[in-house]
N, C-alpha and C. Protein backbone atom coordinates (compact mmCIF):
# COMPACT_ATOMS: atom_id res chain seq x y z
N UNK A 1 -27.31 -189.45 16.98
CA UNK A 1 -27.97 -189.28 16.26
C UNK A 1 -27.31 -188.41 15.18
N UNK A 2 -27.52 -188.64 13.84
CA UNK A 2 -27.17 -187.29 13.09
C UNK A 2 -28.04 -186.09 13.14
N UNK A 3 -27.36 -185.26 12.93
CA UNK A 3 -27.97 -183.81 13.28
C UNK A 3 -28.93 -183.57 12.42
N UNK A 4 -28.79 -183.83 11.26
CA UNK A 4 -29.70 -183.47 9.95
C UNK A 4 -31.00 -184.22 10.22
N UNK A 5 -30.90 -185.52 10.67
CA UNK A 5 -32.12 -186.15 11.05
C UNK A 5 -32.89 -185.76 12.44
N UNK A 6 -32.08 -185.09 13.33
CA UNK A 6 -32.73 -184.33 14.31
C UNK A 6 -33.54 -182.94 14.02
N UNK A 7 -32.93 -182.44 13.15
CA UNK A 7 -33.52 -181.39 12.60
C UNK A 7 -34.92 -181.69 11.49
N UNK A 8 -34.78 -182.61 10.93
CA UNK A 8 -35.89 -183.03 10.26
C UNK A 8 -37.14 -183.61 11.13
N UNK A 9 -36.71 -184.53 12.27
CA UNK A 9 -37.78 -184.99 13.17
C UNK A 9 -38.28 -183.58 13.83
N UNK A 10 -37.66 -182.64 14.35
CA UNK A 10 -38.07 -181.71 15.15
C UNK A 10 -39.24 -180.81 14.29
N UNK A 11 -38.59 -180.96 13.08
CA UNK A 11 -39.54 -179.95 11.89
C UNK A 11 -40.81 -180.69 11.79
N UNK A 12 -40.70 -181.94 11.68
CA UNK A 12 -41.90 -183.01 11.66
C UNK A 12 -42.82 -182.70 12.67
N UNK A 13 -42.22 -182.51 13.92
CA UNK A 13 -43.16 -182.49 15.41
C UNK A 13 -43.84 -181.02 14.91
N UNK A 14 -43.07 -180.01 14.66
CA UNK A 14 -43.62 -178.63 14.33
C UNK A 14 -44.68 -178.86 13.78
N UNK A 15 -44.58 -179.48 12.65
CA UNK A 15 -45.71 -179.49 11.27
C UNK A 15 -46.76 -179.98 11.89
N UNK A 16 -46.64 -181.31 12.32
CA UNK A 16 -47.91 -181.87 12.57
C UNK A 16 -48.58 -181.39 13.87
N UNK A 17 -47.53 -180.74 14.80
CA UNK A 17 -48.32 -179.96 15.95
C UNK A 17 -49.18 -178.81 15.55
N UNK A 18 -48.84 -178.11 14.55
CA UNK A 18 -49.48 -176.90 14.18
C UNK A 18 -50.51 -177.44 13.19
N UNK A 19 -50.74 -178.70 12.78
CA UNK A 19 -51.51 -178.77 11.61
C UNK A 19 -52.86 -179.24 12.51
N UNK A 20 -52.54 -179.61 13.63
CA UNK A 20 -53.54 -180.09 14.80
C UNK A 20 -54.32 -178.98 14.86
N UNK A 21 -53.86 -178.04 15.03
CA UNK A 21 -54.61 -176.77 15.34
C UNK A 21 -55.48 -176.06 14.13
N UNK A 22 -55.23 -176.61 12.93
CA UNK A 22 -56.25 -176.29 11.82
C UNK A 22 -57.61 -176.79 11.98
N UNK A 23 -58.96 -176.18 11.74
CA UNK A 23 -60.07 -176.21 12.11
C UNK A 23 -60.62 -177.85 11.45
N UNK A 24 -60.12 -177.82 10.12
CA UNK A 24 -60.44 -179.33 9.47
C UNK A 24 -60.02 -180.55 10.23
N UNK A 25 -58.52 -180.40 10.31
CA UNK A 25 -57.93 -181.33 11.15
C UNK A 25 -58.59 -181.82 12.53
N UNK A 26 -58.75 -180.67 13.28
CA UNK A 26 -59.53 -180.92 14.60
C UNK A 26 -61.06 -181.30 14.31
N UNK A 27 -61.97 -180.87 13.57
CA UNK A 27 -62.64 -181.50 13.27
C UNK A 27 -62.99 -183.33 12.88
N UNK A 28 -62.03 -183.38 11.90
CA UNK A 28 -61.74 -184.66 11.52
C UNK A 28 -61.66 -185.60 12.53
N UNK A 29 -60.57 -184.98 13.52
CA UNK A 29 -60.11 -186.14 14.69
C UNK A 29 -61.55 -186.14 15.54
N UNK A 30 -61.99 -184.99 15.93
CA UNK A 30 -63.05 -185.04 16.61
C UNK A 30 -64.05 -186.03 16.10
N UNK A 31 -64.43 -186.20 14.59
CA UNK A 31 -65.63 -186.78 14.13
C UNK A 31 -65.27 -188.32 14.16
N UNK A 32 -63.60 -188.96 14.14
CA UNK A 32 -63.53 -189.74 14.67
C UNK A 32 -63.75 -190.42 16.09
N UNK A 33 -63.54 -189.50 16.92
CA UNK A 33 -63.51 -189.79 18.25
C UNK A 33 -65.06 -190.08 18.59
N UNK A 34 -65.80 -189.04 17.93
CA UNK A 34 -67.55 -189.58 18.09
C UNK A 34 -68.08 -190.62 17.56
N UNK A 35 -67.43 -190.96 16.52
CA UNK A 35 -67.75 -192.47 15.83
C UNK A 35 -67.31 -193.60 16.74
N UNK A 36 -66.03 -193.51 17.00
CA UNK A 36 -65.66 -194.81 17.85
C UNK A 36 -66.73 -194.76 19.34
N UNK A 37 -66.89 -193.53 19.52
CA UNK A 37 -67.65 -193.56 21.01
C UNK A 37 -69.27 -193.90 20.63
N UNK A 38 -69.90 -193.47 19.55
CA UNK A 38 -70.85 -194.06 19.23
C UNK A 38 -70.85 -195.66 19.00
N UNK A 39 -70.12 -196.19 18.03
CA UNK A 39 -69.64 -197.57 18.13
C UNK A 39 -69.72 -198.30 19.60
N UNK A 40 -68.89 -197.71 20.22
CA UNK A 40 -69.04 -198.32 21.80
C UNK A 40 -70.21 -198.17 22.51
N UNK A 41 -70.79 -197.27 22.28
CA UNK A 41 -72.14 -197.05 22.97
C UNK A 41 -73.10 -197.86 22.57
N UNK A 42 -73.22 -198.64 21.32
CA UNK A 42 -73.84 -199.24 20.66
C UNK A 42 -73.96 -200.59 21.15
N UNK A 43 -72.29 -200.79 21.98
CA UNK A 43 -72.29 -201.99 22.31
C UNK A 43 -72.77 -202.33 23.98
N UNK A 44 -73.18 -201.21 24.43
CA UNK A 44 -73.91 -201.24 25.69
C UNK A 44 -73.05 -200.76 26.81
N UNK A 45 -72.35 -199.67 26.43
CA UNK A 45 -71.49 -198.79 27.27
C UNK A 45 -71.57 -197.26 27.31
N UNK A 46 -71.46 -196.85 28.40
CA UNK A 46 -71.36 -195.52 28.55
C UNK A 46 -70.16 -194.78 27.94
N UNK A 47 -70.28 -193.83 27.35
CA UNK A 47 -69.04 -193.14 26.38
C UNK A 47 -69.22 -191.61 26.53
N UNK A 48 -68.03 -191.08 26.68
CA UNK A 48 -67.78 -189.68 26.66
C UNK A 48 -66.61 -189.03 25.72
N UNK A 49 -66.90 -188.13 24.93
CA UNK A 49 -65.60 -187.78 24.05
C UNK A 49 -65.40 -186.18 24.93
N UNK A 50 -64.23 -186.07 25.23
CA UNK A 50 -63.44 -184.93 25.93
C UNK A 50 -62.33 -184.51 24.85
N UNK A 51 -62.36 -183.11 24.89
CA UNK A 51 -61.41 -182.41 23.93
C UNK A 51 -60.26 -182.06 25.10
N UNK A 52 -59.27 -182.34 24.54
CA UNK A 52 -57.97 -182.17 25.35
C UNK A 52 -57.06 -180.96 24.75
N UNK A 53 -57.27 -180.62 23.54
CA UNK A 53 -56.68 -179.78 22.80
C UNK A 53 -56.99 -179.87 21.46
N UNK A 54 -56.21 -179.00 20.59
CA UNK A 54 -56.28 -179.06 19.39
C UNK A 54 -56.05 -180.38 18.48
N UNK A 55 -56.86 -180.92 18.07
CA UNK A 55 -56.62 -182.29 17.47
C UNK A 55 -56.33 -183.63 18.30
N UNK A 56 -56.96 -183.15 19.67
CA UNK A 56 -56.43 -184.37 20.78
C UNK A 56 -57.75 -184.50 21.61
N UNK A 57 -58.49 -185.71 21.13
CA UNK A 57 -59.68 -186.06 21.60
C UNK A 57 -59.48 -187.38 22.75
N UNK A 58 -60.35 -187.57 23.52
CA UNK A 58 -60.30 -188.81 24.42
C UNK A 58 -61.48 -189.33 24.39
N UNK A 59 -61.81 -190.69 24.35
CA UNK A 59 -63.00 -191.34 24.46
C UNK A 59 -62.76 -192.09 25.67
N UNK A 60 -64.03 -191.77 26.41
CA UNK A 60 -63.70 -192.80 27.87
C UNK A 60 -65.14 -193.79 27.69
N UNK A 61 -64.63 -194.90 28.30
CA UNK A 61 -65.73 -196.02 28.25
C UNK A 61 -65.90 -196.76 29.43
N UNK A 62 -67.37 -196.88 29.67
CA UNK A 62 -67.54 -197.41 31.47
C UNK A 62 -68.82 -198.05 31.22
N UNK A 63 -69.07 -199.11 31.98
CA UNK A 63 -70.05 -199.84 31.93
C UNK A 63 -69.75 -201.32 32.78
N UNK A 64 -70.77 -201.56 33.28
CA UNK A 64 -70.84 -203.07 34.02
C UNK A 64 -70.46 -204.11 33.25
N UNK A 65 -69.03 -204.63 34.03
CA UNK A 65 -68.59 -206.12 33.26
C UNK A 65 -67.54 -205.70 32.02
N UNK A 66 -67.22 -204.35 31.74
CA UNK A 66 -66.59 -203.85 30.38
C UNK A 66 -65.08 -204.63 30.61
N UNK A 67 -64.53 -204.55 31.46
CA UNK A 67 -62.91 -204.91 31.58
C UNK A 67 -63.25 -206.84 31.42
N UNK A 68 -64.11 -207.34 32.27
CA UNK A 68 -64.00 -208.69 31.91
C UNK A 68 -64.52 -209.02 30.41
N UNK A 69 -65.41 -208.30 29.63
CA UNK A 69 -66.10 -208.55 28.56
C UNK A 69 -64.75 -208.45 27.69
N UNK A 70 -63.92 -206.93 27.63
CA UNK A 70 -63.08 -207.21 26.77
C UNK A 70 -61.77 -207.95 26.82
N UNK A 71 -61.36 -208.45 27.99
CA UNK A 71 -60.26 -209.31 28.17
C UNK A 71 -60.22 -210.58 28.78
N UNK A 72 -61.84 -210.89 28.94
CA UNK A 72 -62.17 -211.80 29.42
C UNK A 72 -62.36 -212.21 30.90
N UNK A 73 -62.65 -213.22 31.75
CA UNK A 73 -62.69 -213.45 33.14
C UNK A 73 -62.57 -214.81 33.22
N UNK A 74 -62.67 -215.21 34.59
CA UNK A 74 -62.66 -216.68 35.12
C UNK A 74 -63.62 -217.47 34.07
N UNK A 75 -64.77 -217.05 34.22
CA UNK A 75 -65.78 -218.03 34.09
C UNK A 75 -66.39 -217.46 32.67
N UNK A 76 -65.51 -216.93 31.63
CA UNK A 76 -66.19 -216.44 29.99
C UNK A 76 -64.97 -216.21 29.44
N UNK A 77 -64.67 -216.64 28.20
CA UNK A 77 -63.53 -215.79 27.51
C UNK A 77 -64.16 -214.47 26.94
N UNK A 78 -63.00 -213.60 26.55
CA UNK A 78 -63.08 -212.43 26.21
C UNK A 78 -63.96 -212.21 24.58
N UNK A 79 -64.69 -211.20 24.64
CA UNK A 79 -65.19 -210.91 23.35
C UNK A 79 -65.24 -209.58 23.23
N UNK A 80 -63.91 -209.27 22.60
CA UNK A 80 -63.22 -207.89 22.46
C UNK A 80 -64.12 -206.99 21.36
N UNK A 81 -64.76 -206.00 22.20
CA UNK A 81 -65.45 -205.10 21.28
C UNK A 81 -64.99 -203.76 21.19
N UNK A 82 -64.00 -203.26 22.08
CA UNK A 82 -63.25 -202.07 21.84
C UNK A 82 -62.60 -202.08 20.56
N UNK A 83 -61.66 -202.85 20.29
CA UNK A 83 -60.84 -203.00 19.05
C UNK A 83 -61.59 -202.98 17.87
N UNK A 84 -62.69 -203.57 17.74
CA UNK A 84 -63.53 -203.86 16.73
C UNK A 84 -64.30 -202.37 16.38
N UNK A 85 -64.60 -201.62 17.45
CA UNK A 85 -65.07 -200.28 17.44
C UNK A 85 -64.08 -199.54 16.82
N UNK A 86 -62.90 -199.38 17.57
CA UNK A 86 -62.03 -198.61 16.95
C UNK A 86 -61.40 -198.83 15.56
N UNK A 87 -61.70 -199.71 15.11
CA UNK A 87 -61.10 -200.25 13.38
C UNK A 87 -62.24 -199.93 12.82
N UNK A 88 -63.67 -199.85 13.16
CA UNK A 88 -64.65 -199.31 12.37
C UNK A 88 -64.56 -197.81 12.17
N UNK A 89 -64.02 -197.49 13.36
CA UNK A 89 -64.04 -195.67 13.65
C UNK A 89 -62.70 -195.17 12.54
N UNK A 90 -61.61 -196.00 12.58
CA UNK A 90 -60.57 -195.19 11.54
C UNK A 90 -60.56 -195.73 10.14
N UNK A 91 -61.71 -196.39 9.49
CA UNK A 91 -62.10 -196.63 8.33
C UNK A 91 -62.13 -195.38 7.56
N UNK A 92 -61.36 -194.83 6.44
CA UNK A 92 -62.02 -193.76 5.85
C UNK A 92 -63.32 -193.81 5.33
C-alpha cells in the first residue's frame, strides 16, 4: 500500500475517533440507539441500550422466539423486524 494512503487512513481513524468524544456526536449516536431500542420494544421484545464508550452504544434485544421470528423456523417463515427497526432508526 502507498505510504500517503496509509497516513491518510490513519488520520481519518484519528479524526473519527476524536469526533466520537464530542458531546453532540455522542448524543446523536445515543439518540439513534434509543430510537432503535424503542422500535424493537414496540415489536414485543425487551431491549437495553448500553454505552460502551464515546459514541459507542450497544442495543440488546431479547424475547421469546426472537430468533425464529427474525430468521424463520421450521413451521413459520421469517418476519424480519430487526432490520426494519434499524432502518427507521437511521433515517435522518
